[in-house]
Amino acid sequence: MPLARVDIPKGRPPEFRVAVGDVVYAAMTATLDVPIGDRFQVISEHESTRLVIDPHYPGIERTADAVVIQVTLS
């Protein structure tokens, strides 16, 4: 049972959260052979001061809309 945790900036519309969750799940089923229906996700919103993402490391430009995706496999 993989667990996906997605951290997004606060204020995004509900459709954004749904779309991100769908894309993460589709990627996991396609690349990790996660079984259909094995979908466990935590999607959390954070104030800009609580979601610290370097905007330039390592030479990749990121905006304030960057999303963090963490997948735990066992």
C-alpha atoms as a PDB file:
ATOM      1  CA  MET A   1       0.000   0.000   0.000  1.00  0.00           C
ATOM      2  CA  PRO A   2       1.813   3.136  -1.171  1.00  0.00           C
ATOM      3  CA  LEU A   3       0.952   6.432   0.462  1.00  0.00           C
ATOM      4  CA  ALA A   4       1.224   9.670  -1.511  1.00  0.00           C
ATOM      5  CA  ARG A   5       1.476  12.940   0.369  1.00  0.00           C
ATOM      6  CA  VAL A   6       1.002  16.108  -1.680  1.00  0.00           C
ATOM      7  CA  ASP A   7       1.697  19.549  -0.242  1.00  0.00           C
ATOM      8  CA  ILE A   8       0.339  22.534  -2.160  1.00  0.00           C
ATOM      9  CA  PRO A   9       0.191  26.294  -1.612  1.00  0.00           C
ATOM     10  CA  LYS A  10      -2.992  27.440   0.100  1.00  0.00           C
ATOM     11  CA  GLY A  11      -5.787  28.925  -1.968  1.00  0.00           C
ATOM     12  CA  ARG A  12      -5.886  26.587  -4.933  1.00  0.00           C
ATOM     13  CA  PRO A  13      -9.379  25.627  -6.149  1.00  0.00           C
ATOM     14  CA  PRO A  14     -10.789  22.175  -5.325  1.00  0.00           C
ATOM     15  CA  GLU A  15     -10.415  21.148  -8.988  1.00  0.00           C
ATOM     16  CA  PHE A  16      -6.652  21.671  -8.694  1.00  0.00           C
ATOM     17  CA  ARG A  17      -6.407  19.320  -5.717  1.00  0.00           C
ATOM     18  CA  VAL A  18      -8.464  16.681  -7.545  1.00  0.00           C
ATOM     19  CA  ALA A  19      -6.347  17.016 -10.705  1.00  0.00           C
ATOM     20  CA  VAL A  20      -3.070  16.709  -8.791  1.00  0.00           C
ATOM     21  CA  GLY A  21      -4.338  13.640  -6.945  1.00  0.00           C
ATOM     22  CA  ASP A  22      -5.480  12.045 -10.200  1.00  0.00           C
ATOM     23  CA  VAL A  23      -2.140  12.703 -11.928  1.00  0.00           C
ATOM     24  CA  VAL A  24      -0.132  11.316  -9.013  1.00  0.00           C
ATOM     25  CA  TYR A  25      -2.289   8.188  -8.893  1.00  0.00           C
ATOM     26  CA  ALA A  26      -2.068   7.682 -12.675  1.00  0.00           C
ATOM     27  CA  ALA A  27       1.729   8.011 -12.542  1.00  0.00           C
ATOM     28  CA  MET A  28       1.938   5.506  -9.694  1.00  0.00           C
ATOM     29  CA  THR A  29      -0.216   2.915 -11.480  1.00  0.00           C
ATOM     30  CA  ALA A  30       1.740   3.376 -14.719  1.00  0.00           C
ATOM     31  CA  THR A  31       5.285   3.377 -13.334  1.00  0.00           C
ATOM     32  CA  LEU A  32       5.150   1.572  -9.985  1.00  0.00           C
ATOM     33  CA  ASP A  33       2.582  -1.090 -10.898  1.00  0.00           C
ATOM     34  CA  VAL A  34       0.304   0.091  -8.098  1.00  0.00           C
ATOM     35  CA  PRO A  35      -2.928  -1.942  -8.333  1.00  0.00           C
ATOM     36  CA  ILE A  36      -6.125  -0.229  -9.423  1.00  0.00           C
ATOM     37  CA  GLY A  37      -7.996   0.885  -6.312  1.00  0.00           C
ATOM     38  CA  ASP A  38      -4.862   1.077  -4.154  1.00  0.00           C
ATOM     39  CA  ARG A  39      -5.189   4.833  -3.765  1.00  0.00           C
ATOM     40  CA  PHE A  40      -4.172   6.416  -0.470  1.00  0.00           C
ATOM     41  CA  GLN A  41      -3.371  10.129  -0.596  1.00  0.00           C
ATOM     42  CA  VAL A  42      -3.069  13.029   1.807  1.00  0.00           C
ATOM     43  CA  ILE A  43      -3.347  16.416   0.105  1.00  0.00           C
ATOM     44  CA  SER A  44      -2.546  19.353   2.379  1.00  0.00           C
ATOM     45  CA  GLU A  45      -2.582  23.098   1.823  1.00  0.00           C
ATOM     46  CA  HIS A  46      -0.011  25.370   3.427  1.00  0.00           C
ATOM     47  CA  GLU A  47       0.478  29.096   3.929  1.00  0.00           C
ATOM     48  CA  SER A  48       3.422  30.464   1.950  1.00  0.00           C
ATOM     49  CA  THR A  49       5.515  30.754   5.119  1.00  0.00           C
ATOM     50  CA  ARG A  50       4.950  27.058   5.938  1.00  0.00           C
ATOM     51  CA  LEU A  51       5.847  25.600   2.548  1.00  0.00           C
ATOM     52  CA  VAL A  52       9.542  26.306   2.046  1.00  0.00           C
ATOM     53  CA  ILE A  53      10.779  25.373  -1.429  1.00  0.00           C
ATOM     54  CA  ASP A  54      14.041  26.760  -2.787  1.00  0.00           C
ATOM     55  CA  PRO A  55      13.163  28.622  -5.995  1.00  0.00           C
ATOM     56  CA  HIS A  56      16.461  27.878  -7.768  1.00  0.00           C
ATOM     57  CA  TYR A  57      18.067  24.629  -6.506  1.00  0.00           C
ATOM     58  CA  PRO A  58      19.826  22.976  -8.408  1.00  0.00           C
ATOM     59  CA  GLY A  59      19.473  25.395 -11.276  1.00  0.00           C
ATOM     60  CA  ILE A  60      15.758  24.624 -11.713  1.00  0.00           C
ATOM     61  CA  GLU A  61      13.462  27.641 -11.532  1.00  0.00           C
ATOM     62  CA  ARG A  62      10.335  27.218  -9.367  1.00  0.00           C
ATOM     63  CA  THR A  63       7.452  29.598  -8.755  1.00  0.00           C
ATOM     64  CA  ALA A  64       5.457  30.089  -5.569  1.00  0.00           C
ATOM     65  CA  ASP A  65       3.010  27.540  -7.048  1.00  0.00           C
ATOM     66  CA  ALA A  66       5.461  24.636  -6.671  1.00  0.00           C
ATOM     67  CA  VAL A  67       4.025  21.386  -5.308  1.00  0.00           C
ATOM     68  CA  VAL A  68       5.803  18.770  -3.160  1.00  0.00           C
ATOM     69  CA  ILE A  69       4.958  15.110  -3.767  1.00  0.00           C
ATOM     70  CA  GLN A  70       6.178  12.414  -1.392  1.00  0.00           C
ATOM     71  CA  VAL A  71       5.510   8.721  -2.028  1.00  0.00           C
ATOM     72  CA  THR A  72       6.106   6.107   0.654  1.00  0.00           C
ATOM     73  CA  LEU A  73       6.375   2.508  -0.531  1.00  0.00           C
ATOM     74  CA  SER A  74       6.592  -0.616   1.547  1.00  0.00           C
END
